[in-house]
């Protein structure tokens, strides 16, 4: 079991992650306990992310820099 996981949120449109909103998407790499607290707290928008989601975000970020 992983001890660290990715969490993500979209500041513009919570709980939706279209490619056009990628500048507004945040990713954090945190421990499982912190991730649980972020997801289940009253702050809206945080949810668990897969590693593939993060890699897709990085490719979009790299494309936009060109």
N, C-alpha and C. Protein backbone atom coordinates (compact mmCIF):
# COMPACT_ATOMS: atom_id res chain seq x y z
N UNK A 1 0.84 -1.19 0.00
CA UNK A 1 0.00 0.00 0.00
C UNK A 1 0.88 1.25 0.00
N UNK A 2 0.50 2.22 -0.75
CA UNK A 2 1.26 3.46 -0.86
C UNK A 2 1.12 4.29 0.42
N UNK A 3 2.22 4.90 0.83
CA UNK A 3 2.15 5.76 2.00
C UNK A 3 1.93 7.22 1.60
N UNK A 4 2.27 7.54 0.36
CA UNK A 4 2.05 8.89 -0.15
C UNK A 4 1.18 8.81 -1.40
N UNK A 5 0.28 9.75 -1.57
CA UNK A 5 -0.64 9.76 -2.70
C UNK A 5 -0.78 11.18 -3.23
N UNK A 6 -1.34 11.29 -4.42
CA UNK A 6 -1.64 12.59 -5.00
C UNK A 6 -3.07 12.99 -4.68
N UNK A 7 -3.28 14.26 -4.39
CA UNK A 7 -4.62 14.82 -4.29
C UNK A 7 -4.69 15.99 -5.26
N UNK A 8 -5.90 16.25 -5.76
CA UNK A 8 -6.05 17.30 -6.76
C UNK A 8 -7.30 18.12 -6.48
N UNK A 9 -7.32 19.32 -7.01
CA UNK A 9 -8.53 20.14 -6.99
C UNK A 9 -8.46 21.16 -8.12
N UNK A 10 -9.63 21.60 -8.53
CA UNK A 10 -9.76 22.62 -9.56
C UNK A 10 -10.36 23.85 -8.88
N UNK A 11 -9.61 24.93 -8.85
CA UNK A 11 -10.09 26.15 -8.18
C UNK A 11 -11.23 26.82 -8.92
N UNK A 12 -11.29 26.63 -10.23
CA UNK A 12 -12.31 27.30 -11.04
C UNK A 12 -13.64 26.55 -11.02
N UNK A 13 -13.61 25.24 -11.28
CA UNK A 13 -14.81 24.40 -11.31
C UNK A 13 -14.55 23.16 -10.45
N UNK A 14 -14.94 23.17 -9.17
CA UNK A 14 -14.63 22.03 -8.31
C UNK A 14 -15.17 20.71 -8.85
N UNK A 15 -14.39 19.67 -8.69
CA UNK A 15 -14.73 18.28 -9.02
C UNK A 15 -14.88 18.02 -10.52
N UNK A 16 -14.39 18.91 -11.38
CA UNK A 16 -14.35 18.63 -12.82
C UNK A 16 -12.96 19.04 -13.32
N UNK A 17 -12.43 18.24 -14.24
CA UNK A 17 -11.05 18.44 -14.66
C UNK A 17 -10.89 18.41 -16.18
N UNK A 18 -11.52 19.36 -16.90
CA UNK A 18 -11.30 19.40 -18.35
C UNK A 18 -9.90 19.93 -18.66
N UNK A 19 -9.40 19.58 -19.83
CA UNK A 19 -8.05 19.99 -20.21
C UNK A 19 -7.89 21.50 -20.30
N UNK A 20 -8.95 22.23 -20.61
CA UNK A 20 -8.83 23.68 -20.75
C UNK A 20 -8.64 24.37 -19.40
N UNK A 21 -9.00 23.71 -18.32
CA UNK A 21 -8.86 24.28 -16.98
C UNK A 21 -7.55 23.92 -16.30
N UNK A 22 -6.59 23.34 -17.02
CA UNK A 22 -5.40 22.84 -16.36
C UNK A 22 -4.60 23.92 -15.61
N UNK A 23 -4.62 25.21 -16.00
CA UNK A 23 -3.90 26.19 -15.17
C UNK A 23 -4.50 26.36 -13.77
N UNK A 24 -5.75 25.99 -13.61
CA UNK A 24 -6.43 26.15 -12.32
C UNK A 24 -6.39 24.88 -11.47
N UNK A 25 -5.81 23.81 -11.98
CA UNK A 25 -5.77 22.54 -11.26
C UNK A 25 -4.52 22.49 -10.39
N UNK A 26 -4.70 22.09 -9.14
CA UNK A 26 -3.60 21.95 -8.20
C UNK A 26 -3.40 20.48 -7.87
N UNK A 27 -2.16 20.06 -7.78
CA UNK A 27 -1.83 18.71 -7.33
C UNK A 27 -0.90 18.83 -6.12
N UNK A 28 -1.08 17.94 -5.16
CA UNK A 28 -0.17 17.85 -4.02
C UNK A 28 0.14 16.38 -3.78
N UNK A 29 1.37 16.12 -3.37
CA UNK A 29 1.82 14.78 -3.04
C UNK A 29 1.96 14.72 -1.52
N UNK A 30 1.01 14.07 -0.86
CA UNK A 30 0.93 14.09 0.60
C UNK A 30 0.78 12.67 1.14
N UNK A 31 0.96 12.53 2.45
CA UNK A 31 0.79 11.22 3.09
C UNK A 31 -0.69 10.84 3.11
N UNK A 32 -0.96 9.56 3.36
CA UNK A 32 -2.34 9.06 3.36
C UNK A 32 -3.19 9.78 4.41
N UNK A 33 -2.65 10.02 5.58
CA UNK A 33 -3.41 10.68 6.64
C UNK A 33 -3.80 12.09 6.27
N UNK A 34 -2.87 12.82 5.71
CA UNK A 34 -3.14 14.19 5.28
C UNK A 34 -4.14 14.20 4.13
N UNK A 35 -3.99 13.24 3.21
CA UNK A 35 -4.93 13.14 2.08
C UNK A 35 -6.34 12.86 2.58
N UNK A 36 -6.48 11.97 3.54
CA UNK A 36 -7.80 11.67 4.10
C UNK A 36 -8.42 12.92 4.70
N UNK A 37 -7.63 13.67 5.47
CA UNK A 37 -8.15 14.89 6.08
C UNK A 37 -8.52 15.94 5.05
N UNK A 38 -7.74 16.05 3.98
CA UNK A 38 -8.03 17.04 2.93
C UNK A 38 -9.32 16.68 2.20
N UNK A 39 -9.52 15.40 1.92
CA UNK A 39 -10.69 14.96 1.16
C UNK A 39 -11.96 15.07 2.00
N UNK A 40 -11.87 14.74 3.28
CA UNK A 40 -13.06 14.70 4.12
C UNK A 40 -13.28 15.96 4.95
N UNK A 41 -12.46 16.98 4.75
CA UNK A 41 -12.67 18.23 5.49
C UNK A 41 -13.77 19.05 4.82
N UNK A 42 -14.11 20.16 5.39
CA UNK A 42 -15.18 20.99 4.85
C UNK A 42 -14.72 21.87 3.70
N UNK A 43 -13.42 21.88 3.41
CA UNK A 43 -12.93 22.64 2.26
C UNK A 43 -13.32 21.91 0.99
N UNK A 44 -13.97 22.60 0.11
CA UNK A 44 -14.52 21.97 -1.09
C UNK A 44 -13.43 21.79 -2.15
N UNK A 45 -13.46 20.63 -2.81
CA UNK A 45 -12.67 20.48 -4.01
C UNK A 45 -11.58 19.44 -4.00
N UNK A 46 -11.01 19.06 -2.87
CA UNK A 46 -9.91 18.10 -2.88
C UNK A 46 -10.43 16.68 -3.06
N UNK A 47 -9.73 15.90 -3.89
CA UNK A 47 -10.04 14.49 -4.04
C UNK A 47 -8.78 13.74 -4.45
N UNK A 48 -8.78 12.43 -4.24
CA UNK A 48 -7.63 11.60 -4.58
C UNK A 48 -7.40 11.62 -6.08
N UNK A 49 -6.15 11.61 -6.46
CA UNK A 49 -5.80 11.59 -7.88
C UNK A 49 -4.92 10.36 -8.15
N UNK A 50 -5.01 9.88 -9.36
CA UNK A 50 -4.14 8.78 -9.78
C UNK A 50 -2.84 9.36 -10.31
N UNK A 51 -1.82 8.54 -10.34
CA UNK A 51 -0.54 8.98 -10.89
C UNK A 51 -0.69 9.34 -12.36
N UNK A 52 -1.56 8.63 -13.07
CA UNK A 52 -1.80 8.92 -14.49
C UNK A 52 -2.42 10.31 -14.67
N UNK A 53 -3.27 10.74 -13.72
CA UNK A 53 -3.84 12.09 -13.78
C UNK A 53 -2.75 13.13 -13.68
N UNK A 54 -1.81 12.90 -12.76
CA UNK A 54 -0.70 13.84 -12.58
C UNK A 54 0.20 13.87 -13.82
N UNK A 55 0.48 12.72 -14.40
CA UNK A 55 1.32 12.67 -15.60
C UNK A 55 0.63 13.36 -16.77
N UNK A 56 -0.69 13.20 -16.90
CA UNK A 56 -1.44 13.90 -17.94
C UNK A 56 -1.36 15.42 -17.74
N UNK A 57 -1.47 15.86 -16.50
CA UNK A 57 -1.35 17.27 -16.16
C UNK A 57 0.03 17.81 -16.57
N UNK A 58 1.07 17.03 -16.31
CA UNK A 58 2.42 17.47 -16.67
C UNK A 58 2.59 17.59 -18.19
N UNK A 59 1.99 16.67 -18.95
CA UNK A 59 2.09 16.77 -20.42
C UNK A 59 1.35 18.01 -20.92
N UNK A 60 0.20 18.32 -20.33
CA UNK A 60 -0.52 19.53 -20.73
C UNK A 60 0.29 20.78 -20.39
N UNK A 61 0.93 20.76 -19.25
CA UNK A 61 1.75 21.89 -18.82
C UNK A 61 2.94 22.08 -19.75
N UNK A 62 3.53 20.96 -20.17
CA UNK A 62 4.68 21.02 -21.07
C UNK A 62 4.26 21.54 -22.45
N UNK A 63 3.08 21.10 -22.94
CA UNK A 63 2.58 21.57 -24.24
C UNK A 63 2.33 23.06 -24.24
N UNK A 64 1.80 23.57 -23.15
CA UNK A 64 1.45 24.99 -23.08
C UNK A 64 2.68 25.89 -23.02
N UNK A 65 3.79 25.38 -22.51
CA UNK A 65 5.02 26.18 -22.42
C UNK A 65 5.59 26.48 -23.80
N UNK A 66 5.29 25.64 -24.78
CA UNK A 66 5.85 25.82 -26.13
C UNK A 66 5.24 26.97 -26.83
